[in-house]
PDB file of N, CA and C in Angstrom:
ATOM      1  N   MET A   1     -82.127  71.143 338.669  1.00  0.00           N
ATOM      2  CA  MET A   1     -82.875  71.456 339.864  1.00  0.00           C
ATOM      3  C   MET A   1     -82.490  72.868 340.312  1.00  0.00           C
ATOM      4  N   ALA A   2     -83.468  73.704 340.511  1.00  0.00           N
ATOM      5  CA  ALA A   2     -83.219  75.066 340.978  1.00  0.00           C
ATOM      6  C   ALA A   2     -83.012  75.051 342.490  1.00  0.00           C
ATOM      7  N   MET A   3     -82.043  75.794 342.932  1.00  0.00           N
ATOM      8  CA  MET A   3     -81.750  75.877 344.366  1.00  0.00           C
ATOM      9  C   MET A   3     -82.243  77.219 344.888  1.00  0.00           C
ATOM     10  N   LYS A   4     -82.727  77.205 346.107  1.00  0.00           N
ATOM     11  CA  LYS A   4     -83.184  78.421 346.755  1.00  0.00           C
ATOM     12  C   LYS A   4     -82.550  78.485 348.134  1.00  0.00           C
ATOM     13  N   ARG A   5     -82.033  79.638 348.498  1.00  0.00           N
ATOM     14  CA  ARG A   5     -81.411  79.805 349.807  1.00  0.00           C
ATOM     15  C   ARG A   5     -82.461  80.093 350.856  1.00  0.00           C
ATOM     16  N   VAL A   6     -82.249  79.506 352.038  1.00  0.00           N
ATOM     17  CA  VAL A   6     -83.137  79.721 353.174  1.00  0.00           C
ATOM     18  C   VAL A   6     -82.253  80.012 354.384  1.00  0.00           C
ATOM     19  N   LEU A   7     -82.602  81.032 355.131  1.00  0.00           N
ATOM     20  CA  LEU A   7     -81.856  81.385 356.328  1.00  0.00           C
ATOM     21  C   LEU A   7     -82.614  80.887 357.550  1.00  0.00           C
ATOM     22  N   LEU A   8     -81.922  80.171 358.438  1.00  0.00           N
ATOM     23  CA  LEU A   8     -82.552  79.604 359.633  1.00  0.00           C
ATOM     24  C   LEU A   8     -81.884  80.137 360.894  1.00  0.00           C
ATOM     25  N   SER A   9     -82.654  80.225 361.936  1.00  0.00           N
ATOM     26  CA  SER A   9     -82.116  80.441 363.278  1.00  0.00           C
ATOM     27  C   SER A   9     -82.453  79.191 364.069  1.00  0.00           C
ATOM     28  N   LEU A  10     -81.440  78.600 364.694  1.00  0.00           N
ATOM     29  CA  LEU A  10     -81.634  77.351 365.415  1.00  0.00           C
ATOM     30  C   LEU A  10     -81.212  77.511 366.870  1.00  0.00           C
ATOM     31  N   PRO A  11     -81.920  76.831 367.779  1.00  0.00           N
ATOM     32  CA  PRO A  11     -81.503  76.848 369.176  1.00  0.00           C
ATOM     33  C   PRO A  11     -80.136  76.164 369.340  1.00  0.00           C
ATOM     34  N   LYS A  12     -79.420  76.555 370.356  1.00  0.00           N
ATOM     35  CA  LYS A  12     -78.082  76.020 370.631  1.00  0.00           C
ATOM     36  C   LYS A  12     -78.099  74.492 370.704  1.00  0.00           C
ATOM     37  N   GLU A  13     -79.107  73.924 371.347  1.00  0.00           N
ATOM     38  CA  GLU A  13     -79.182  72.472 371.494  1.00  0.00           C
ATOM     39  C   GLU A  13     -79.293  71.772 370.145  1.00  0.00           C
ATOM     40  N   MET A  14     -80.040  72.370 369.223  1.00  0.00           N
ATOM     41  CA  MET A  14     -80.200  71.770 367.895  1.00  0.00           C
ATOM     42  C   MET A  14     -78.881  71.846 367.117  1.00  0.00           C
ATOM     43  N   VAL A  15     -78.188  72.958 367.239  1.00  0.00           N
ATOM     44  CA  VAL A  15     -76.895  73.103 366.564  1.00  0.00           C
ATOM     45  C   VAL A  15     -75.916  72.062 367.100  1.00  0.00           C
ATOM     46  N   GLU A  16     -75.928  71.851 368.402  1.00  0.00           N
ATOM     47  CA  GLU A  16     -75.048  70.838 368.995  1.00  0.00           C
ATOM     48  C   GLU A  16     -75.382  69.446 368.470  1.00  0.00           C
ATOM     49  N   GLY A  17     -76.669  69.141 368.340  1.00  0.00           N
ATOM     50  CA  GLY A  17     -77.089  67.856 367.777  1.00  0.00           C
ATOM     51  C   GLY A  17     -76.670  67.715 366.322  1.00  0.00           C
ATOM     52  N   LEU A  18     -76.789  68.798 365.565  1.00  0.00           N
ATOM     53  CA  LEU A  18     -76.381  68.769 364.157  1.00  0.00           C
ATOM     54  C   LEU A  18     -74.868  68.612 364.026  1.00  0.00           C
ATOM     55  N   GLU A  19     -74.110  69.229 364.917  1.00  0.00           N
ATOM     56  CA  GLU A  19     -72.651  69.074 364.902  1.00  0.00           C
ATOM     57  C   GLU A  19     -72.275  67.612 365.156  1.00  0.00           C
ATOM     58  N   LYS A  20     -72.951  66.979 366.115  1.00  0.00           N
ATOM     59  CA  LYS A  20     -72.695  65.571 366.408  1.00  0.00           C
ATOM     60  C   LYS A  20     -73.022  64.708 365.189  1.00  0.00           C
ATOM     61  N   GLU A  21     -74.179  64.963 364.586  1.00  0.00           N
ATOM     62  CA  GLU A  21     -74.601  64.211 363.398  1.00  0.00           C
ATOM     63  C   GLU A  21     -73.633  64.444 362.239  1.00  0.00           C
ATOM     64  N   ARG A  22     -73.168  65.678 362.073  1.00  0.00           N
ATOM     65  CA  ARG A  22     -72.223  66.027 361.010  1.00  0.00           C
ATOM     66  C   ARG A  22     -70.951  65.202 361.148  1.00  0.00           C
ATOM     67  N   LYS A  23     -70.436  65.109 362.364  1.00  0.00           N
ATOM     68  CA  LYS A  23     -69.202  64.351 362.595  1.00  0.00           C
ATOM     69  C   LYS A  23     -69.422  62.861 362.360  1.00  0.00           C
ATOM     70  N   GLU A  24     -70.566  62.329 362.794  1.00  0.00           N
ATOM     71  CA  GLU A  24     -70.854  60.904 362.603  1.00  0.00           C
ATOM     72  C   GLU A  24     -70.989  60.542 361.129  1.00  0.00           C
ATOM     73  N   ARG A  25     -71.516  61.461 360.336  1.00  0.00           N
ATOM     74  CA  ARG A  25     -71.715  61.200 358.904  1.00  0.00           C
ATOM     75  C   ARG A  25     -70.534  61.676 358.062  1.00  0.00           C
ATOM     76  N   TYR A  26     -69.507  62.227 358.704  1.00  0.00           N
ATOM     77  CA  TYR A  26     -68.311  62.725 358.013  1.00  0.00           C
ATOM     78  C   TYR A  26     -68.657  63.781 356.958  1.00  0.00           C
ATOM     79  N   LEU A  27     -69.528  64.714 357.339  1.00  0.00           N
ATOM     80  CA  LEU A  27     -69.918  65.787 356.431  1.00  0.00           C
ATOM     81  C   LEU A  27     -69.137  67.054 356.766  1.00  0.00           C
ATOM     82  N   GLU A  28     -69.091  67.976 355.804  1.00  0.00           N
ATOM     83  CA  GLU A  28     -68.282  69.187 355.944  1.00  0.00           C
ATOM     84  C   GLU A  28     -68.965  70.293 356.754  1.00  0.00           C
ATOM     85  N   THR A  29     -70.258  70.507 356.510  1.00  0.00           N
ATOM     86  CA  THR A  29     -70.926  71.674 357.092  1.00  0.00           C
ATOM     87  C   THR A  29     -72.283  71.301 357.681  1.00  0.00           C
ATOM     88  N   ILE A  30     -72.795  72.179 358.520  1.00  0.00           N
ATOM     89  CA  ILE A  30     -74.139  71.977 359.070  1.00  0.00           C
ATOM     90  C   ILE A  30     -75.202  72.081 357.976  1.00  0.00           C
ATOM     91  N   PRO A  31     -75.131  73.052 357.048  1.00  0.00           N
ATOM     92  CA  PRO A  31     -76.143  73.070 355.978  1.00  0.00           C
ATOM     93  C   PRO A  31     -76.166  71.763 355.167  1.00  0.00           C
ATOM     94  N   GLU A  32     -75.001  71.203 354.904  1.00  0.00           N
ATOM     95  CA  GLU A  32     -74.948  69.919 354.192  1.00  0.00           C
ATOM     96  C   GLU A  32     -75.612  68.823 355.035  1.00  0.00           C
ATOM     97  N   THR A  33     -75.383  68.842 356.333  1.00  0.00           N
ATOM     98  CA  THR A  33     -75.984  67.866 357.240  1.00  0.00           C
ATOM     99  C   THR A  33     -77.503  67.983 357.226  1.00  0.00           C
ATOM    100  N   ILE A  34     -78.007  69.206 357.265  1.00  0.00           N
ATOM    101  CA  ILE A  34     -79.453  69.431 357.220  1.00  0.00           C
ATOM    102  C   ILE A  34     -80.029  68.911 355.912  1.00  0.00           C
ATOM    103  N   ARG A  35     -79.356  69.167 354.789  1.00  0.00           N
ATOM    104  CA  ARG A  35     -79.838  68.673 353.490  1.00  0.00           C
ATOM    105  C   ARG A  35     -79.909  67.147 353.473  1.00  0.00           C
ATOM    106  N   VAL A  36     -78.890  66.485 354.017  1.00  0.00           N
ATOM    107  CA  VAL A  36     -78.865  65.015 354.027  1.00  0.00           C
ATOM    108  C   VAL A  36     -79.992  64.472 354.906  1.00  0.00           C
ATOM    109  N   ILE A  37     -80.170  65.053 356.086  1.00  0.00           N
ATOM    110  CA  ILE A  37     -81.226  64.595 356.992  1.00  0.00           C
ATOM    111  C   ILE A  37     -82.601  64.797 356.362  1.00  0.00           C
ATOM    112  N   LEU A  38     -82.841  65.956 355.767  1.00  0.00           N
ATOM    113  CA  LEU A  38     -84.132  66.213 355.105  1.00  0.00           C
ATOM    114  C   LEU A  38     -84.345  65.269 353.926  1.00  0.00           C
ATOM    115  N   SER A  39     -83.304  65.028 353.161  1.00  0.00           N
ATOM    116  CA  SER A  39     -83.409  64.120 352.025  1.00  0.00           C
ATOM    117  C   SER A  39     -83.777  62.715 352.493  1.00  0.00           C
ATOM    118  N   ASP A  40     -83.106  62.225 353.541  1.00  0.00           N
ATOM    119  CA  ASP A  40     -83.420  60.902 354.095  1.00  0.00           C
ATOM    120  C   ASP A  40     -84.863  60.855 354.585  1.00  0.00           C
ATOM    121  N   TYR A  41     -85.260  61.890 355.308  1.00  0.00           N
ATOM    122  CA  TYR A  41     -86.624  61.940 355.858  1.00  0.00           C
ATOM    123  C   TYR A  41     -87.667  61.918 354.743  1.00  0.00           C
ATOM    124  N   LEU A  42     -87.484  62.761 353.733  1.00  0.00           N
ATOM    125  CA  LEU A  42     -88.469  62.837 352.649  1.00  0.00           C
ATOM    126  C   LEU A  42     -88.487  61.562 351.815  1.00  0.00           C
ATOM    127  N   ARG A  43     -87.337  60.946 351.615  1.00  0.00           N
ATOM    128  CA  ARG A  43     -87.274  59.684 350.866  1.00  0.00           C
ATOM    129  C   ARG A  43     -88.039  58.595 351.628  1.00  0.00           C
ATOM    130  N   ASN A  44     -87.828  58.497 352.929  1.00  0.00           N
ATOM    131  CA  ASN A  44     -88.515  57.490 353.741  1.00  0.00           C
ATOM    132  C   ASN A  44     -89.999  57.777 353.833  1.00  0.00           C
ATOM    133  N   LYS A  45     -90.374  59.030 353.912  1.00  0.00           N
ATOM    134  CA  LYS A  45     -91.795  59.399 353.980  1.00  0.00           C
ATOM    135  C   LYS A  45     -92.498  58.984 352.687  1.00  0.00           C
ATOM    136  N   THR A  46     -91.854  59.170 351.549  1.00  0.00           N
ATOM    137  CA  THR A  46     -92.426  58.788 350.256  1.00  0.00           C
ATOM    138  C   THR A  46     -92.566  57.278 350.145  1.00  0.00           C
ATOM    139  N   LYS A  47     -91.576  56.532 350.645  1.00  0.00           N
ATOM    140  CA  LYS A  47     -91.614  55.062 350.590  1.00  0.00           C
ATOM    141  C   LYS A  47     -92.757  54.503 351.424  1.00  0.00           C
ATOM    142  N   ASN A  48     -93.036  55.134 352.554  1.00  0.00           N
ATOM    143  CA  ASN A  48     -94.034  54.613 353.499  1.00  0.00           C
ATOM    144  C   ASN A  48     -95.469  54.976 353.135  1.00  0.00           C
ATOM    145  N   LYS A  49     -95.685  55.691 352.066  1.00  0.00           N
ATOM    146  CA  LYS A  49     -97.059  56.044 351.666  1.00  0.00           C
ATOM    147  C   LYS A  49     -97.747  54.911 350.999  1.00  0.00           C
TER     148      LYS A  49
END
């Protein structure tokens, strides 16, 4: 799988929410947290079609 870097700017409130989610899921970084959340979302979206 080819990886591509993407740079994001996020509002403070979203970063705070991601930090909370990161700690709850015992993940290392916010980018890792975003990848996990997107993966879960896309997997569920595919199942529900």
